[in-house]
All heavy atoms as atom14 arrays in JSON, in Angstrom:
{
  "sequence": "GHKAHLDFDQRGGAMIITHTVVPPEIGGRGIAAELVQAAF",
  "atom14_mask": [
    [1, 1, 1, 1, 0, 0, 0, 0, 0, 0, 0, 0, 0, 0],
    [1, 1, 1, 1, 1, 1, 1, 1, 1, 1, 0, 0, 0, 0],
    [1, 1, 1, 1, 1, 1, 1, 1, 1, 0, 0, 0, 0, 0],
    [1, 1, 1, 1, 1, 0, 0, 0, 0, 0, 0, 0, 0, 0],
    [1, 1, 1, 1, 1, 1, 1, 1, 1, 1, 0, 0, 0, 0],
    [1, 1, 1, 1, 1, 1, 1, 1, 0, 0, 0, 0, 0, 0],
    [1, 1, 1, 1, 1, 1, 1, 1, 0, 0, 0, 0, 0, 0],
    [1, 1, 1, 1, 1, 1, 1, 1, 1, 1, 1, 0, 0, 0],
    [1, 1, 1, 1, 1, 1, 1, 1, 0, 0, 0, 0, 0, 0],
    [1, 1, 1, 1, 1, 1, 1, 1, 1, 0, 0, 0, 0, 0],
    [1, 1, 1, 1, 1, 1, 1, 1, 1, 1, 1, 0, 0, 0],
    [1, 1, 1, 1, 0, 0, 0, 0, 0, 0, 0, 0, 0, 0],
    [1, 1, 1, 1, 0, 0, 0, 0, 0, 0, 0, 0, 0, 0],
    [1, 1, 1, 1, 1, 0, 0, 0, 0, 0, 0, 0, 0, 0],
    [1, 1, 1, 1, 1, 1, 1, 1, 0, 0, 0, 0, 0, 0],
    [1, 1, 1, 1, 1, 1, 1, 1, 0, 0, 0, 0, 0, 0],
    [1, 1, 1, 1, 1, 1, 1, 1, 0, 0, 0, 0, 0, 0],
    [1, 1, 1, 1, 1, 1, 1, 0, 0, 0, 0, 0, 0, 0],
    [1, 1, 1, 1, 1, 1, 1, 1, 1, 1, 0, 0, 0, 0],
    [1, 1, 1, 1, 1, 1, 1, 0, 0, 0, 0, 0, 0, 0],
    [1, 1, 1, 1, 1, 1, 1, 0, 0, 0, 0, 0, 0, 0],
    [1, 1, 1, 1, 1, 1, 1, 0, 0, 0, 0, 0, 0, 0],
    [1, 1, 1, 1, 1, 1, 1, 0, 0, 0, 0, 0, 0, 0],
    [1, 1, 1, 1, 1, 1, 1, 0, 0, 0, 0, 0, 0, 0],
    [1, 1, 1, 1, 1, 1, 1, 1, 1, 0, 0, 0, 0, 0],
    [1, 1, 1, 1, 1, 1, 1, 1, 0, 0, 0, 0, 0, 0],
    [1, 1, 1, 1, 0, 0, 0, 0, 0, 0, 0, 0, 0, 0],
    [1, 1, 1, 1, 0, 0, 0, 0, 0, 0, 0, 0, 0, 0],
    [1, 1, 1, 1, 1, 1, 1, 1, 1, 1, 1, 0, 0, 0],
    [1, 1, 1, 1, 0, 0, 0, 0, 0, 0, 0, 0, 0, 0],
    [1, 1, 1, 1, 1, 1, 1, 1, 0, 0, 0, 0, 0, 0],
    [1, 1, 1, 1, 1, 0, 0, 0, 0, 0, 0, 0, 0, 0],
    [1, 1, 1, 1, 1, 0, 0, 0, 0, 0, 0, 0, 0, 0],
    [1, 1, 1, 1, 1, 1, 1, 1, 1, 0, 0, 0, 0, 0],
    [1, 1, 1, 1, 1, 1, 1, 1, 0, 0, 0, 0, 0, 0],
    [1, 1, 1, 1, 1, 1, 1, 0, 0, 0, 0, 0, 0, 0],
    [1, 1, 1, 1, 1, 1, 1, 1, 1, 0, 0, 0, 0, 0],
    [1, 1, 1, 1, 1, 0, 0, 0, 0, 0, 0, 0, 0, 0],
    [1, 1, 1, 1, 1, 0, 0, 0, 0, 0, 0, 0, 0, 0],
    [1, 1, 1, 1, 1, 1, 1, 1, 1, 1, 1, 0, 0, 0]
  ],
  "atom14_positions": [
    [[-6.64, -27.18, 20.28], [-5.58, -26.18, 20.21], [-5.92, -24.92, 19.44], [-5.07, -24.05, 19.27], [0.0, 0.0, 0.0], [0.0, 0.0, 0.0], [0.0, 0.0, 0.0], [0.0, 0.0, 0.0], [0.0, 0.0, 0.0], [0.0, 0.0, 0.0], [0.0, 0.0, 0.0], [0.0, 0.0, 0.0], [0.0, 0.0, 0.0], [0.0, 0.0, 0.0]],
    [[-7.15, -24.79, 18.97], [-7.59, -23.61, 18.22], [-8.62, -22.85, 19.04], [-9.54, -23.44, 19.61], [-8.21, -24.0, 16.87], [-7.26, -24.73, 15.99], [-6.32, -24.09, 15.22], [-7.09, -26.06, 15.76], [-5.61, -24.98, 14.56], [-6.07, -26.19, 14.87], [0.0, 0.0, 0.0], [0.0, 0.0, 0.0], [0.0, 0.0, 0.0], [0.0, 0.0, 0.0]],
    [[-8.47, -21.53, 19.07], [-9.39, -20.69, 19.84], [-10.49, -20.12, 18.95], [-10.22, -19.63, 17.86], [-8.63, -19.55, 20.52], [-7.74, -20.04, 21.62], [-7.1, -18.9, 22.36], [-6.23, -19.48, 23.48], [-5.59, -18.43, 24.25], [0.0, 0.0, 0.0], [0.0, 0.0, 0.0], [0.0, 0.0, 0.0], [0.0, 0.0, 0.0], [0.0, 0.0, 0.0]],
    [[-11.7, -20.2, 19.45], [-12.86, -19.59, 18.8], [-13.4, -18.54, 19.75], [-13.28, -18.67, 20.97], [-13.92, -20.64, 18.51], [0.0, 0.0, 0.0], [0.0, 0.0, 0.0], [0.0, 0.0, 0.0], [0.0, 0.0, 0.0], [0.0, 0.0, 0.0], [0.0, 0.0, 0.0], [0.0, 0.0, 0.0], [0.0, 0.0, 0.0], [0.0, 0.0, 0.0]],
    [[-14.0, -17.48, 19.19], [-14.51, -16.43, 20.08], [-15.7, -15.7, 19.48], [-15.9, -15.68, 18.27], [-13.39, -15.44, 20.42], [-12.81, -14.74, 19.23], [-13.25, -13.52, 18.8], [-11.82, -15.1, 18.38], [-12.55, -13.15, 17.74], [-11.68, -14.1, 17.46], [0.0, 0.0, 0.0], [0.0, 0.0, 0.0], [0.0, 0.0, 0.0], [0.0, 0.0, 0.0]],
    [[-16.45, -15.12, 20.38], [-17.55, -14.23, 20.04], [-17.23, -12.92, 20.74], [-16.93, -12.92, 21.94], [-18.88, -14.79, 20.56], [-20.1, -13.91, 20.37], [-21.34, -14.78, 20.15], [-20.35, -13.0, 21.55], [0.0, 0.0, 0.0], [0.0, 0.0, 0.0], [0.0, 0.0, 0.0], [0.0, 0.0, 0.0], [0.0, 0.0, 0.0], [0.0, 0.0, 0.0]],
    [[-17.26, -11.82, 20.01], [-16.97, -10.51, 20.57], [-18.25, -9.7, 20.66], [-19.14, -9.81, 19.79], [-15.97, -9.75, 19.69], [-14.64, -10.47, 19.59], [-14.23, -11.12, 20.57], [-14.01, -10.38, 18.52], [0.0, 0.0, 0.0], [0.0, 0.0, 0.0], [0.0, 0.0, 0.0], [0.0, 0.0, 0.0], [0.0, 0.0, 0.0], [0.0, 0.0, 0.0]],
    [[-18.33, -8.89, 21.71], [-19.5, -8.04, 21.89], [-19.12, -6.74, 22.57], [-18.09, -6.64, 23.24], [-20.6, -8.77, 22.69], [-20.25, -9.02, 24.13], [-20.59, -8.12, 25.12], [-19.59, -10.18, 24.51], [-20.27, -8.35, 26.45], [-19.27, -10.43, 25.83], [-19.61, -9.51, 26.81], [0.0, 0.0, 0.0], [0.0, 0.0, 0.0], [0.0, 0.0, 0.0]],
    [[-19.98, -5.74, 22.39], [-19.91, -4.48, 23.12], [-21.13, -4.42, 24.0], [-22.2, -4.93, 23.62], [-19.92, -3.28, 22.16], [-18.69, -3.21, 21.28], [-17.59, -3.53, 21.78], [-18.83, -2.85, 20.1], [0.0, 0.0, 0.0], [0.0, 0.0, 0.0], [0.0, 0.0, 0.0], [0.0, 0.0, 0.0], [0.0, 0.0, 0.0], [0.0, 0.0, 0.0]],
    [[-20.99, -3.81, 25.15], [-22.14, -3.64, 26.04], [-22.35, -2.15, 26.24], [-21.45, -1.45, 26.68], [-21.89, -4.33, 27.37], [-23.14, -4.4, 28.23], [-22.93, -5.27, 29.44], [-22.24, -6.27, 29.39], [-23.54, -4.88, 30.54], [0.0, 0.0, 0.0], [0.0, 0.0, 0.0], [0.0, 0.0, 0.0], [0.0, 0.0, 0.0], [0.0, 0.0, 0.0]],
    [[-23.55, -1.69, 25.86], [-23.9, -0.27, 25.97], [-25.36, -0.11, 26.33], [-26.21, -0.75, 25.73], [-23.66, 0.44, 24.64], [-22.21, 0.68, 24.31], [-22.08, 1.38, 22.99], [-21.85, 0.31, 22.0], [-22.07, 0.41, 20.72], [-22.56, 1.49, 20.22], [-21.81, -0.59, 19.91], [0.0, 0.0, 0.0], [0.0, 0.0, 0.0], [0.0, 0.0, 0.0]],
    [[-25.61, 0.73, 27.31], [-26.98, 1.12, 27.64], [-27.95, -0.03, 27.8], [-29.03, 0.0, 27.24], [0.0, 0.0, 0.0], [0.0, 0.0, 0.0], [0.0, 0.0, 0.0], [0.0, 0.0, 0.0], [0.0, 0.0, 0.0], [0.0, 0.0, 0.0], [0.0, 0.0, 0.0], [0.0, 0.0, 0.0], [0.0, 0.0, 0.0], [0.0, 0.0, 0.0]],
    [[-27.58, -1.05, 28.54], [-28.48, -2.18, 28.77], [-28.6, -3.15, 27.61], [-29.53, -3.95, 27.56], [0.0, 0.0, 0.0], [0.0, 0.0, 0.0], [0.0, 0.0, 0.0], [0.0, 0.0, 0.0], [0.0, 0.0, 0.0], [0.0, 0.0, 0.0], [0.0, 0.0, 0.0], [0.0, 0.0, 0.0], [0.0, 0.0, 0.0], [0.0, 0.0, 0.0]],
    [[-27.65, -3.06, 26.68], [-27.7, -3.95, 25.53], [-26.34, -4.6, 25.28], [-25.3, -4.0, 25.5], [-28.13, -3.18, 24.27], [0.0, 0.0, 0.0], [0.0, 0.0, 0.0], [0.0, 0.0, 0.0], [0.0, 0.0, 0.0], [0.0, 0.0, 0.0], [0.0, 0.0, 0.0], [0.0, 0.0, 0.0], [0.0, 0.0, 0.0], [0.0, 0.0, 0.0]],
    [[-26.4, -5.83, 24.8], [-25.21, -6.55, 24.33], [-25.28, -6.54, 22.81], [-26.24, -7.04, 22.23], [-25.23, -7.99, 24.85], [-24.11, -8.85, 24.3], [-24.26, -10.6, 24.73], [-23.84, -10.58, 26.46], [0.0, 0.0, 0.0], [0.0, 0.0, 0.0], [0.0, 0.0, 0.0], [0.0, 0.0, 0.0], [0.0, 0.0, 0.0], [0.0, 0.0, 0.0]],
    [[-24.27, -5.94, 22.2], [-24.2, -5.9, 20.74], [-23.16, -6.94, 20.3], [-21.96, -6.75, 20.55], [-23.82, -4.5, 20.21], [-24.88, -3.48, 20.63], [-23.68, -4.51, 18.7], [-24.53, -2.69, 21.83], [0.0, 0.0, 0.0], [0.0, 0.0, 0.0], [0.0, 0.0, 0.0], [0.0, 0.0, 0.0], [0.0, 0.0, 0.0], [0.0, 0.0, 0.0]],
    [[-23.63, -8.02, 19.69], [-22.73, -9.08, 19.23], [-22.13, -8.63, 17.91], [-22.84, -8.44, 16.93], [-23.46, -10.42, 19.08], [-24.02, -10.86, 20.44], [-22.51, -11.48, 18.51], [-24.88, -12.11, 20.39], [0.0, 0.0, 0.0], [0.0, 0.0, 0.0], [0.0, 0.0, 0.0], [0.0, 0.0, 0.0], [0.0, 0.0, 0.0], [0.0, 0.0, 0.0]],
    [[-20.81, -8.44, 17.89], [-20.14, -7.87, 16.72], [-19.47, -8.91, 15.82], [-19.44, -8.72, 14.61], [-19.1, -6.82, 17.15], [-18.18, -7.42, 18.06], [-19.78, -5.63, 17.82], [0.0, 0.0, 0.0], [0.0, 0.0, 0.0], [0.0, 0.0, 0.0], [0.0, 0.0, 0.0], [0.0, 0.0, 0.0], [0.0, 0.0, 0.0], [0.0, 0.0, 0.0]],
    [[-18.92, -9.96, 16.39], [-18.22, -10.96, 15.59], [-18.32, -12.34, 16.25], [-18.28, -12.45, 17.46], [-16.71, -10.65, 15.47], [-16.41, -9.35, 14.86], [-16.55, -9.11, 13.52], [-15.94, -8.2, 15.39], [-16.2, -7.87, 13.26], [-15.83, -7.29, 14.38], [0.0, 0.0, 0.0], [0.0, 0.0, 0.0], [0.0, 0.0, 0.0], [0.0, 0.0, 0.0]],
    [[-18.42, -13.35, 15.43], [-18.29, -14.73, 15.88], [-17.24, -15.35, 14.96], [-17.42, -15.36, 13.75], [-19.62, -15.5, 15.77], [-20.62, -14.79, 16.5], [-19.48, -16.9, 16.35], [0.0, 0.0, 0.0], [0.0, 0.0, 0.0], [0.0, 0.0, 0.0], [0.0, 0.0, 0.0], [0.0, 0.0, 0.0], [0.0, 0.0, 0.0], [0.0, 0.0, 0.0]],
    [[-16.15, -15.83, 15.55], [-15.02, -16.33, 14.76], [-14.67, -17.75, 15.2], [-14.37, -17.99, 16.37], [-13.78, -15.42, 14.92], [-12.61, -15.97, 14.13], [-14.1, -13.99, 14.51], [0.0, 0.0, 0.0], [0.0, 0.0, 0.0], [0.0, 0.0, 0.0], [0.0, 0.0, 0.0], [0.0, 0.0, 0.0], [0.0, 0.0, 0.0], [0.0, 0.0, 0.0]],
    [[-14.74, -18.67, 14.24], [-14.33, -20.06, 14.47], [-13.34, -20.41, 13.37], [-13.68, -20.35, 12.19], [-15.54, -21.03, 14.44], [-15.07, -22.47, 14.58], [-16.55, -20.67, 15.52], [0.0, 0.0, 0.0], [0.0, 0.0, 0.0], [0.0, 0.0, 0.0], [0.0, 0.0, 0.0], [0.0, 0.0, 0.0], [0.0, 0.0, 0.0], [0.0, 0.0, 0.0]],
    [[-12.1, -20.75, 13.74], [-11.12, -21.11, 12.72], [-11.6, -22.29, 11.87], [-12.27, -23.19, 12.38], [-9.88, -21.51, 13.53], [-10.04, -20.84, 14.85], [-11.53, -20.81, 15.09], [0.0, 0.0, 0.0], [0.0, 0.0, 0.0], [0.0, 0.0, 0.0], [0.0, 0.0, 0.0], [0.0, 0.0, 0.0], [0.0, 0.0, 0.0], [0.0, 0.0, 0.0]],
    [[-11.26, -22.32, 10.59], [-11.71, -23.39, 9.71], [-11.3, -24.78, 10.19], [-12.0, -25.76, 9.94], [-11.09, -23.07, 8.36], [-10.25, -21.87, 8.52], [-10.46, -21.32, 9.89], [0.0, 0.0, 0.0], [0.0, 0.0, 0.0], [0.0, 0.0, 0.0], [0.0, 0.0, 0.0], [0.0, 0.0, 0.0], [0.0, 0.0, 0.0], [0.0, 0.0, 0.0]],
    [[-10.18, -24.87, 10.91], [-9.71, -26.16, 11.39], [-10.68, -26.84, 12.35], [-10.66, -28.05, 12.5], [-8.35, -26.01, 12.1], [-7.22, -25.56, 11.21], [-7.13, -24.04, 11.07], [-7.98, -23.3, 11.6], [-6.19, -23.59, 10.4], [0.0, 0.0, 0.0], [0.0, 0.0, 0.0], [0.0, 0.0, 0.0], [0.0, 0.0, 0.0], [0.0, 0.0, 0.0]],
    [[-11.53, -26.03, 12.99], [-12.49, -26.6, 13.95], [-13.93, -26.26, 13.57], [-14.85, -26.4, 14.37], [-12.18, -26.17, 15.41], [-12.15, -24.65, 15.54], [-10.87, -26.81, 15.86], [-12.03, -24.15, 16.98], [0.0, 0.0, 0.0], [0.0, 0.0, 0.0], [0.0, 0.0, 0.0], [0.0, 0.0, 0.0], [0.0, 0.0, 0.0], [0.0, 0.0, 0.0]],
    [[-14.14, -25.82, 12.35], [-15.48, -25.47, 11.89], [-16.37, -26.69, 11.72], [-15.9, -27.82, 11.69], [0.0, 0.0, 0.0], [0.0, 0.0, 0.0], [0.0, 0.0, 0.0], [0.0, 0.0, 0.0], [0.0, 0.0, 0.0], [0.0, 0.0, 0.0], [0.0, 0.0, 0.0], [0.0, 0.0, 0.0], [0.0, 0.0, 0.0], [0.0, 0.0, 0.0]],
    [[-17.66, -26.44, 11.63], [-18.62, -27.5, 11.38], [-18.94, -28.37, 12.58], [-19.53, -29.44, 12.43], [0.0, 0.0, 0.0], [0.0, 0.0, 0.0], [0.0, 0.0, 0.0], [0.0, 0.0, 0.0], [0.0, 0.0, 0.0], [0.0, 0.0, 0.0], [0.0, 0.0, 0.0], [0.0, 0.0, 0.0], [0.0, 0.0, 0.0], [0.0, 0.0, 0.0]],
    [[-18.59, -27.93, 13.76], [-18.84, -28.71, 14.98], [-19.84, -28.07, 15.92], [-20.0, -28.49, 17.05], [-17.52, -28.92, 15.75], [-16.46, -29.62, 14.95], [-15.26, -29.88, 15.81], [-14.07, -30.18, 15.03], [-12.9, -30.48, 15.55], [-12.75, -30.53, 16.85], [-11.88, -30.74, 14.77], [0.0, 0.0, 0.0], [0.0, 0.0, 0.0], [0.0, 0.0, 0.0]],
    [[-20.48, -27.0, 15.47], [-21.47, -26.33, 16.32], [-20.87, -25.38, 17.34], [-21.56, -24.93, 18.26], [0.0, 0.0, 0.0], [0.0, 0.0, 0.0], [0.0, 0.0, 0.0], [0.0, 0.0, 0.0], [0.0, 0.0, 0.0], [0.0, 0.0, 0.0], [0.0, 0.0, 0.0], [0.0, 0.0, 0.0], [0.0, 0.0, 0.0], [0.0, 0.0, 0.0]],
    [[-19.6, -25.05, 17.16], [-18.92, -24.19, 18.14], [-19.49, -22.78, 18.11], [-19.74, -22.18, 19.17], [-17.4, -24.2, 17.88], [-16.86, -25.62, 18.1], [-16.69, -23.2, 18.77], [-15.47, -25.85, 17.57], [0.0, 0.0, 0.0], [0.0, 0.0, 0.0], [0.0, 0.0, 0.0], [0.0, 0.0, 0.0], [0.0, 0.0, 0.0], [0.0, 0.0, 0.0]],
    [[-19.71, -22.23, 16.93], [-20.28, -20.87, 16.84], [-21.65, -20.82, 17.51], [-21.96, -19.87, 18.24], [-20.37, -20.43, 15.39], [0.0, 0.0, 0.0], [0.0, 0.0, 0.0], [0.0, 0.0, 0.0], [0.0, 0.0, 0.0], [0.0, 0.0, 0.0], [0.0, 0.0, 0.0], [0.0, 0.0, 0.0], [0.0, 0.0, 0.0], [0.0, 0.0, 0.0]],
    [[-22.45, -21.85, 17.3], [-23.79, -21.89, 17.92], [-23.68, -21.91, 19.44], [-24.45, -21.24, 20.14], [-24.55, -23.12, 17.43], [0.0, 0.0, 0.0], [0.0, 0.0, 0.0], [0.0, 0.0, 0.0], [0.0, 0.0, 0.0], [0.0, 0.0, 0.0], [0.0, 0.0, 0.0], [0.0, 0.0, 0.0], [0.0, 0.0, 0.0], [0.0, 0.0, 0.0]],
    [[-22.71, -22.64, 19.97], [-22.53, -22.69, 21.42], [-22.09, -21.34, 21.97], [-22.54, -20.92, 23.04], [-21.53, -23.78, 21.8], [-22.07, -25.17, 21.57], [-21.09, -26.26, 21.96], [-20.13, -25.99, 22.7], [-21.3, -27.4, 21.51], [0.0, 0.0, 0.0], [0.0, 0.0, 0.0], [0.0, 0.0, 0.0], [0.0, 0.0, 0.0], [0.0, 0.0, 0.0]],
    [[-21.23, -20.65, 21.25], [-20.8, -19.33, 21.67], [-21.97, -18.34, 21.68], [-22.14, -17.57, 22.63], [-19.67, -18.81, 20.77], [-18.32, -19.51, 20.92], [-17.41, -19.14, 19.76], [-17.67, -19.17, 22.25], [0.0, 0.0, 0.0], [0.0, 0.0, 0.0], [0.0, 0.0, 0.0], [0.0, 0.0, 0.0], [0.0, 0.0, 0.0], [0.0, 0.0, 0.0]],
    [[-22.77, -18.37, 20.62], [-23.91, -17.45, 20.55], [-24.93, -17.77, 21.65], [-25.44, -16.87, 22.31], [-24.56, -17.48, 19.14], [-25.86, -16.68, 19.12], [-23.58, -16.96, 18.1], [0.0, 0.0, 0.0], [0.0, 0.0, 0.0], [0.0, 0.0, 0.0], [0.0, 0.0, 0.0], [0.0, 0.0, 0.0], [0.0, 0.0, 0.0], [0.0, 0.0, 0.0]],
    [[-25.2, -19.04, 21.86], [-26.13, -19.4, 22.93], [-25.61, -18.94, 24.29], [-26.37, -18.43, 25.11], [-26.4, -20.91, 22.95], [-27.44, -21.27, 24.0], [-27.88, -22.71, 23.94], [-27.41, -23.48, 23.1], [-28.76, -23.08, 24.82], [0.0, 0.0, 0.0], [0.0, 0.0, 0.0], [0.0, 0.0, 0.0], [0.0, 0.0, 0.0], [0.0, 0.0, 0.0]],
    [[-24.32, -19.08, 24.53], [-23.74, -18.61, 25.8], [-23.94, -17.11, 25.96], [-24.25, -16.63, 27.06], [-22.25, -18.96, 25.85], [0.0, 0.0, 0.0], [0.0, 0.0, 0.0], [0.0, 0.0, 0.0], [0.0, 0.0, 0.0], [0.0, 0.0, 0.0], [0.0, 0.0, 0.0], [0.0, 0.0, 0.0], [0.0, 0.0, 0.0], [0.0, 0.0, 0.0]],
    [[-23.78, -16.36, 24.86], [-23.97, -14.91, 24.92], [-25.43, -14.57, 25.24], [-25.7, -13.71, 26.07], [-23.55, -14.27, 23.6], [0.0, 0.0, 0.0], [0.0, 0.0, 0.0], [0.0, 0.0, 0.0], [0.0, 0.0, 0.0], [0.0, 0.0, 0.0], [0.0, 0.0, 0.0], [0.0, 0.0, 0.0], [0.0, 0.0, 0.0], [0.0, 0.0, 0.0]],
    [[-26.36, -15.24, 24.58], [-27.78, -14.98, 24.84], [-28.16, -15.37, 26.27], [-28.93, -14.67, 26.92], [-28.67, -15.68, 23.82], [-28.92, -14.85, 22.58], [-28.0, -14.84, 21.54], [-30.06, -14.07, 22.47], [-28.22, -14.07, 20.4], [-30.28, -13.3, 21.34], [-29.36, -13.29, 20.31], [0.0, 0.0, 0.0], [0.0, 0.0, 0.0], [0.0, 0.0, 0.0]]
  ]
}
């Protein structure tokens, strides 16, 4: 029931990853790593 997200801007052939946010209630489960890997 908690949303985690990774935000990015796309400019000139580049993805600029600006924020990775995982609420503390669901932290420590590798969610941020999965979001970053999905972005890459």
